[in-house]
Amino acid sequence: MPERIEVRAVRNGGVDHIEVPTAEEAHIAALRRERAGYVQRNLPDRIAAVDAELSRLGVDPAPAGATTQPEEGAGDAREERTGARRAARQPAGRRAAAERQRVAEAG
């Protein structure tokens, strides 16, 4: 249950209350965000580790509506980005040589 904390407005001195999550609630929320990222990137071993921690805390690892399957094509985009990074790290001479070889093989 979040804590209710009294806050006072600087301009008019009015009093209001805000709800601040407890440390445990913040930890659970962070684990759920972490799990969602792993689901999106299709990392089942990491999902299982986060699920184990959530279970240890007594929380349902996969709340209603959550999925353990990535969206269609999520892994493909990652592979494309990784390939692009590898190509960008190659020295210009190697990139040119690799391109010439691809053209020669295709032609």
N, C-alpha and C. Protein backbone atom coordinates (compact mmCIF):
# COMPACT_ATOMS: atom_id res chain seq x y z
N MET A 1 0.84 -1.17 0.00
CA MET A 1 0.00 0.00 0.00
C MET A 1 0.89 1.24 0.00
N PRO A 2 0.70 2.13 -0.93
CA PRO A 2 1.54 3.33 -0.98
C PRO A 2 1.35 4.20 0.26
N GLU A 3 2.40 4.88 0.60
CA GLU A 3 2.32 5.81 1.73
C GLU A 3 1.73 7.12 1.25
N ARG A 4 0.92 7.75 2.09
CA ARG A 4 0.38 9.07 1.78
C ARG A 4 1.25 10.10 2.51
N ILE A 5 1.81 11.01 1.75
CA ILE A 5 2.70 12.01 2.32
C ILE A 5 2.08 13.39 2.11
N GLU A 6 2.11 14.19 3.16
CA GLU A 6 1.56 15.54 3.08
C GLU A 6 2.58 16.46 2.41
N VAL A 7 2.10 17.23 1.45
CA VAL A 7 2.96 18.21 0.78
C VAL A 7 2.29 19.57 0.86
N ARG A 8 3.10 20.62 0.93
CA ARG A 8 2.57 21.96 1.04
C ARG A 8 3.01 22.78 -0.17
N ALA A 9 2.05 23.48 -0.78
CA ALA A 9 2.35 24.32 -1.93
C ALA A 9 3.15 25.54 -1.48
N VAL A 10 4.17 25.89 -2.27
CA VAL A 10 5.03 27.01 -1.92
C VAL A 10 4.30 28.34 -2.10
N ARG A 11 3.55 28.49 -3.19
CA ARG A 11 2.91 29.78 -3.49
C ARG A 11 1.77 30.14 -2.54
N ASN A 12 0.85 29.19 -2.30
CA ASN A 12 -0.33 29.55 -1.52
C ASN A 12 -0.41 28.84 -0.18
N GLY A 13 0.52 27.97 0.13
CA GLY A 13 0.52 27.30 1.42
C GLY A 13 -0.50 26.19 1.55
N GLY A 14 -1.17 25.85 0.45
CA GLY A 14 -2.17 24.78 0.49
C GLY A 14 -1.53 23.44 0.78
N VAL A 15 -2.32 22.56 1.38
CA VAL A 15 -1.83 21.24 1.75
C VAL A 15 -2.49 20.21 0.84
N ASP A 16 -1.70 19.27 0.38
CA ASP A 16 -2.21 18.18 -0.44
C ASP A 16 -1.49 16.90 -0.02
N HIS A 17 -1.95 15.79 -0.51
CA HIS A 17 -1.31 14.51 -0.20
C HIS A 17 -0.95 13.81 -1.49
N ILE A 18 0.22 13.19 -1.50
CA ILE A 18 0.62 12.38 -2.65
C ILE A 18 0.89 10.96 -2.16
N GLU A 19 0.74 10.02 -3.07
CA GLU A 19 1.02 8.64 -2.72
C GLU A 19 2.40 8.26 -3.25
N VAL A 20 3.23 7.75 -2.38
CA VAL A 20 4.58 7.34 -2.71
C VAL A 20 4.67 5.83 -2.54
N PRO A 21 5.11 5.11 -3.58
CA PRO A 21 5.19 3.65 -3.44
C PRO A 21 6.24 3.26 -2.40
N THR A 22 5.96 2.15 -1.72
CA THR A 22 6.94 1.63 -0.77
C THR A 22 8.12 1.07 -1.55
N ALA A 23 9.18 0.77 -0.85
CA ALA A 23 10.37 0.22 -1.51
C ALA A 23 10.04 -1.11 -2.18
N GLU A 24 9.22 -1.94 -1.53
CA GLU A 24 8.86 -3.23 -2.12
C GLU A 24 8.04 -3.04 -3.40
N GLU A 25 7.09 -2.11 -3.39
CA GLU A 25 6.28 -1.84 -4.58
C GLU A 25 7.14 -1.32 -5.73
N ALA A 26 8.10 -0.46 -5.41
CA ALA A 26 8.99 0.07 -6.44
C ALA A 26 9.86 -1.04 -7.02
N HIS A 27 10.31 -1.97 -6.16
CA HIS A 27 11.14 -3.08 -6.61
C HIS A 27 10.34 -3.99 -7.54
N ILE A 28 9.10 -4.29 -7.17
CA ILE A 28 8.25 -5.15 -8.00
C ILE A 28 7.96 -4.48 -9.35
N ALA A 29 7.69 -3.19 -9.32
CA ALA A 29 7.43 -2.46 -10.57
C ALA A 29 8.67 -2.49 -11.48
N ALA A 30 9.83 -2.34 -10.89
CA ALA A 30 11.07 -2.38 -11.68
C ALA A 30 11.29 -3.76 -12.28
N LEU A 31 11.01 -4.81 -11.50
CA LEU A 31 11.16 -6.17 -12.03
C LEU A 31 10.18 -6.43 -13.18
N ARG A 32 8.97 -5.91 -13.07
CA ARG A 32 8.00 -6.09 -14.15
C ARG A 32 8.44 -5.36 -15.42
N ARG A 33 8.99 -4.16 -15.26
CA ARG A 33 9.51 -3.44 -16.44
C ARG A 33 10.68 -4.19 -17.06
N GLU A 34 11.55 -4.72 -16.20
CA GLU A 34 12.69 -5.51 -16.69
C GLU A 34 12.20 -6.73 -17.45
N ARG A 35 11.20 -7.42 -16.91
CA ARG A 35 10.64 -8.61 -17.55
C ARG A 35 10.04 -8.27 -18.91
N ALA A 36 9.33 -7.15 -18.97
CA ALA A 36 8.72 -6.73 -20.25
C ALA A 36 9.79 -6.50 -21.31
N GLY A 37 10.92 -5.94 -20.92
CA GLY A 37 12.02 -5.74 -21.86
C GLY A 37 12.59 -7.05 -22.36
N TYR A 38 12.71 -8.03 -21.46
CA TYR A 38 13.23 -9.33 -21.86
C TYR A 38 12.26 -10.06 -22.77
N VAL A 39 10.95 -9.90 -22.52
CA VAL A 39 9.95 -10.51 -23.40
C VAL A 39 10.05 -9.89 -24.79
N GLN A 40 10.19 -8.58 -24.83
CA GLN A 40 10.28 -7.88 -26.11
C GLN A 40 11.51 -8.33 -26.90
N ARG A 41 12.62 -8.60 -26.20
CA ARG A 41 13.85 -9.00 -26.88
C ARG A 41 14.03 -10.51 -26.99
N ASN A 42 13.00 -11.26 -26.53
CA ASN A 42 12.99 -12.72 -26.64
C ASN A 42 14.20 -13.36 -25.95
N LEU A 43 14.32 -13.10 -24.64
CA LEU A 43 15.40 -13.67 -23.83
C LEU A 43 14.78 -14.55 -22.74
N PRO A 44 14.41 -15.80 -23.10
CA PRO A 44 13.67 -16.64 -22.16
C PRO A 44 14.41 -16.97 -20.87
N ASP A 45 15.73 -17.10 -20.90
CA ASP A 45 16.46 -17.39 -19.66
C ASP A 45 16.37 -16.22 -18.68
N ARG A 46 16.42 -15.01 -19.19
CA ARG A 46 16.29 -13.84 -18.33
C ARG A 46 14.87 -13.69 -17.79
N ILE A 47 13.88 -14.00 -18.65
CA ILE A 47 12.47 -13.95 -18.22
C ILE A 47 12.28 -14.91 -17.05
N ALA A 48 12.83 -16.12 -17.17
CA ALA A 48 12.69 -17.12 -16.11
C ALA A 48 13.35 -16.64 -14.81
N ALA A 49 14.48 -15.96 -14.92
CA ALA A 49 15.16 -15.47 -13.72
C ALA A 49 14.32 -14.39 -13.02
N VAL A 50 13.74 -13.50 -13.79
CA VAL A 50 12.91 -12.44 -13.20
C VAL A 50 11.64 -13.06 -12.62
N ASP A 51 11.05 -14.04 -13.33
CA ASP A 51 9.87 -14.72 -12.81
C ASP A 51 10.17 -15.39 -11.47
N ALA A 52 11.34 -15.99 -11.34
CA ALA A 52 11.72 -16.64 -10.09
C ALA A 52 11.81 -15.61 -8.96
N GLU A 53 12.37 -14.46 -9.25
CA GLU A 53 12.50 -13.42 -8.23
C GLU A 53 11.12 -12.88 -7.84
N LEU A 54 10.25 -12.67 -8.82
CA LEU A 54 8.90 -12.21 -8.51
C LEU A 54 8.15 -13.24 -7.67
N SER A 55 8.31 -14.51 -8.00
CA SER A 55 7.66 -15.57 -7.22
C SER A 55 8.20 -15.59 -5.79
N ARG A 56 9.51 -15.38 -5.65
CA ARG A 56 10.12 -15.34 -4.32
C ARG A 56 9.52 -14.22 -3.48
N LEU A 57 9.17 -13.12 -4.14
CA LEU A 57 8.56 -11.98 -3.45
C LEU A 57 7.07 -12.18 -3.21
N GLY A 58 6.53 -13.29 -3.72
CA GLY A 58 5.11 -13.57 -3.52
C GLY A 58 4.19 -12.86 -4.48
N VAL A 59 4.71 -12.53 -5.66
CA VAL A 59 3.94 -11.81 -6.67
C VAL A 59 3.76 -12.71 -7.88
N ASP A 60 2.60 -12.61 -8.54
CA ASP A 60 2.35 -13.37 -9.76
C ASP A 60 3.33 -12.87 -10.83
N PRO A 61 4.21 -13.74 -11.35
CA PRO A 61 5.21 -13.30 -12.32
C PRO A 61 4.61 -12.71 -13.60
N ALA A 62 3.53 -13.32 -14.08
CA ALA A 62 2.92 -12.84 -15.32
C ALA A 62 1.49 -12.38 -15.03
N PRO A 63 1.29 -11.09 -14.76
CA PRO A 63 -0.06 -10.61 -14.48
C PRO A 63 -0.96 -10.80 -15.70
N ALA A 64 -2.27 -10.74 -15.49
CA ALA A 64 -3.23 -10.94 -16.58
C ALA A 64 -2.90 -10.02 -17.74
N GLY A 65 -2.90 -10.59 -18.94
CA GLY A 65 -2.61 -9.81 -20.14
C GLY A 65 -1.15 -9.83 -20.53
N ALA A 66 -0.27 -10.27 -19.63
CA ALA A 66 1.16 -10.33 -19.96
C ALA A 66 1.44 -11.61 -20.75
N THR A 67 2.47 -11.57 -21.54
CA THR A 67 2.82 -12.72 -22.35
C THR A 67 4.30 -13.03 -22.18
N THR A 68 4.66 -14.28 -22.45
CA THR A 68 6.07 -14.64 -22.41
C THR A 68 6.62 -14.75 -23.83
N GLN A 69 5.78 -14.52 -24.81
CA GLN A 69 6.20 -14.61 -26.21
C GLN A 69 6.46 -13.21 -26.75
N PRO A 70 7.53 -13.01 -27.49
CA PRO A 70 7.80 -11.70 -28.07
C PRO A 70 6.81 -11.42 -29.19
N GLU A 71 6.70 -10.16 -29.53
CA GLU A 71 5.86 -9.78 -30.65
C GLU A 71 6.46 -10.35 -31.93
N GLU A 72 5.63 -10.55 -32.91
CA GLU A 72 6.07 -11.13 -34.18
C GLU A 72 7.17 -10.28 -34.80
N GLY A 73 8.29 -10.89 -35.12
CA GLY A 73 9.39 -10.19 -35.80
C GLY A 73 10.31 -9.42 -34.87
N ALA A 74 10.12 -9.52 -33.54
CA ALA A 74 10.96 -8.75 -32.61
C ALA A 74 12.42 -9.18 -32.70
N GLY A 75 12.68 -10.48 -32.82
CA GLY A 75 14.06 -10.96 -32.90
C GLY A 75 14.73 -10.59 -34.21
N ASP A 76 13.95 -10.49 -35.29
CA ASP A 76 14.52 -10.14 -36.59
C ASP A 76 15.14 -8.75 -36.58
N ALA A 77 14.46 -7.80 -35.96
CA ALA A 77 14.97 -6.43 -35.90
C ALA A 77 16.28 -6.39 -35.14
N ARG A 78 16.38 -7.18 -34.07
CA ARG A 78 17.61 -7.21 -33.29
C ARG A 78 18.76 -7.75 -34.14
N GLU A 79 18.49 -8.82 -34.89
CA GLU A 79 19.54 -9.39 -35.73
C GLU A 79 19.98 -8.40 -36.80
N GLU A 80 19.03 -7.65 -37.36
CA GLU A 80 19.38 -6.65 -38.37
C GLU A 80 20.27 -5.57 -37.77
N ARG A 81 19.92 -5.09 -36.56
CA ARG A 81 20.73 -4.05 -35.92
C ARG A 81 22.13 -4.56 -35.63
N THR A 82 22.23 -5.80 -35.15
CA THR A 82 23.53 -6.38 -34.82
C THR A 82 24.39 -6.49 -36.07
N GLY A 83 23.80 -6.94 -37.18
CA GLY A 83 24.54 -7.04 -38.43
C GLY A 83 25.01 -5.68 -38.92
N ALA A 84 24.16 -4.68 -38.77
CA ALA A 84 24.54 -3.33 -39.19
C ALA A 84 25.70 -2.80 -38.34
N ARG A 85 25.68 -3.10 -37.02
CA ARG A 85 26.77 -2.65 -36.15
C ARG A 85 28.08 -3.33 -36.54
N ARG A 86 28.00 -4.62 -36.84
CA ARG A 86 29.22 -5.34 -37.22
C ARG A 86 29.80 -4.75 -38.50
N ALA A 87 28.94 -4.45 -39.45
CA ALA A 87 29.41 -3.88 -40.72
C ALA A 87 30.03 -2.51 -40.48
N ALA A 88 29.45 -1.74 -39.59
CA ALA A 88 29.97 -0.39 -39.32
C ALA A 88 31.33 -0.45 -38.63
N ARG A 89 31.60 -1.52 -37.86
CA ARG A 89 32.88 -1.62 -37.17
C ARG A 89 34.01 -2.06 -38.08
N GLN A 90 33.70 -2.63 -39.24
CA GLN A 90 34.76 -3.08 -40.13
C GLN A 90 35.49 -1.87 -40.72
N PRO A 91 36.79 -1.96 -40.86
CA PRO A 91 37.52 -0.89 -41.52
C PRO A 91 37.03 -0.73 -42.96
N ALA A 92 37.17 0.47 -43.51
CA ALA A 92 36.66 0.77 -44.85
C ALA A 92 37.21 -0.19 -45.90
N GLY A 93 38.46 -0.56 -45.80
CA GLY A 93 39.06 -1.46 -46.78
C GLY A 93 38.40 -2.83 -46.77
N ARG A 94 38.10 -3.33 -45.58
CA ARG A 94 37.44 -4.63 -45.48
C ARG A 94 36.01 -4.56 -45.99
N ARG A 95 35.32 -3.45 -45.71
CA ARG A 95 33.94 -3.30 -46.21
C ARG A 95 33.94 -3.31 -47.72
N ALA A 96 34.88 -2.58 -48.32
CA ALA A 96 34.95 -2.52 -49.77
C ALA A 96 35.29 -3.89 -50.35
N ALA A 97 36.22 -4.61 -49.72
CA ALA A 97 36.59 -5.93 -50.21
C ALA A 97 35.41 -6.90 -50.09
N ALA A 98 34.69 -6.82 -48.97
CA ALA A 98 33.52 -7.69 -48.79
C ALA A 98 32.45 -7.37 -49.81
N GLU A 99 32.27 -6.09 -50.12
CA GLU A 99 31.28 -5.70 -51.13
C GLU A 99 31.68 -6.20 -52.52
N ARG A 100 32.96 -6.08 -52.85
CA ARG A 100 33.42 -6.58 -54.15
C ARG A 100 33.21 -8.08 -54.26
N GLN A 101 33.47 -8.79 -53.15
CA GLN A 101 33.29 -10.24 -53.17
C GLN A 101 31.81 -10.61 -53.35
N ARG A 102 30.91 -9.88 -52.67
CA ARG A 102 29.48 -10.15 -52.84
C ARG A 102 29.03 -9.90 -54.26
N VAL A 103 29.53 -8.82 -54.87
CA VAL A 103 29.17 -8.50 -56.25
C VAL A 103 29.69 -9.57 -57.19
N ALA A 104 30.93 -10.03 -56.96
CA ALA A 104 31.51 -11.05 -57.82
C ALA A 104 30.74 -12.38 -57.70
N GLU A 105 30.34 -12.73 -56.48
CA GLU A 105 29.59 -13.97 -56.28
C GLU A 105 28.19 -13.89 -56.90
N ALA A 106 27.58 -12.73 -56.85
CA ALA A 106 26.22 -12.56 -57.39
C ALA A 106 26.25 -12.46 -58.92
N GLY A 107 27.32 -11.97 -59.48
CA GLY A 107 27.36 -11.63 -60.88
C GLY A 107 27.68 -12.69 -61.82
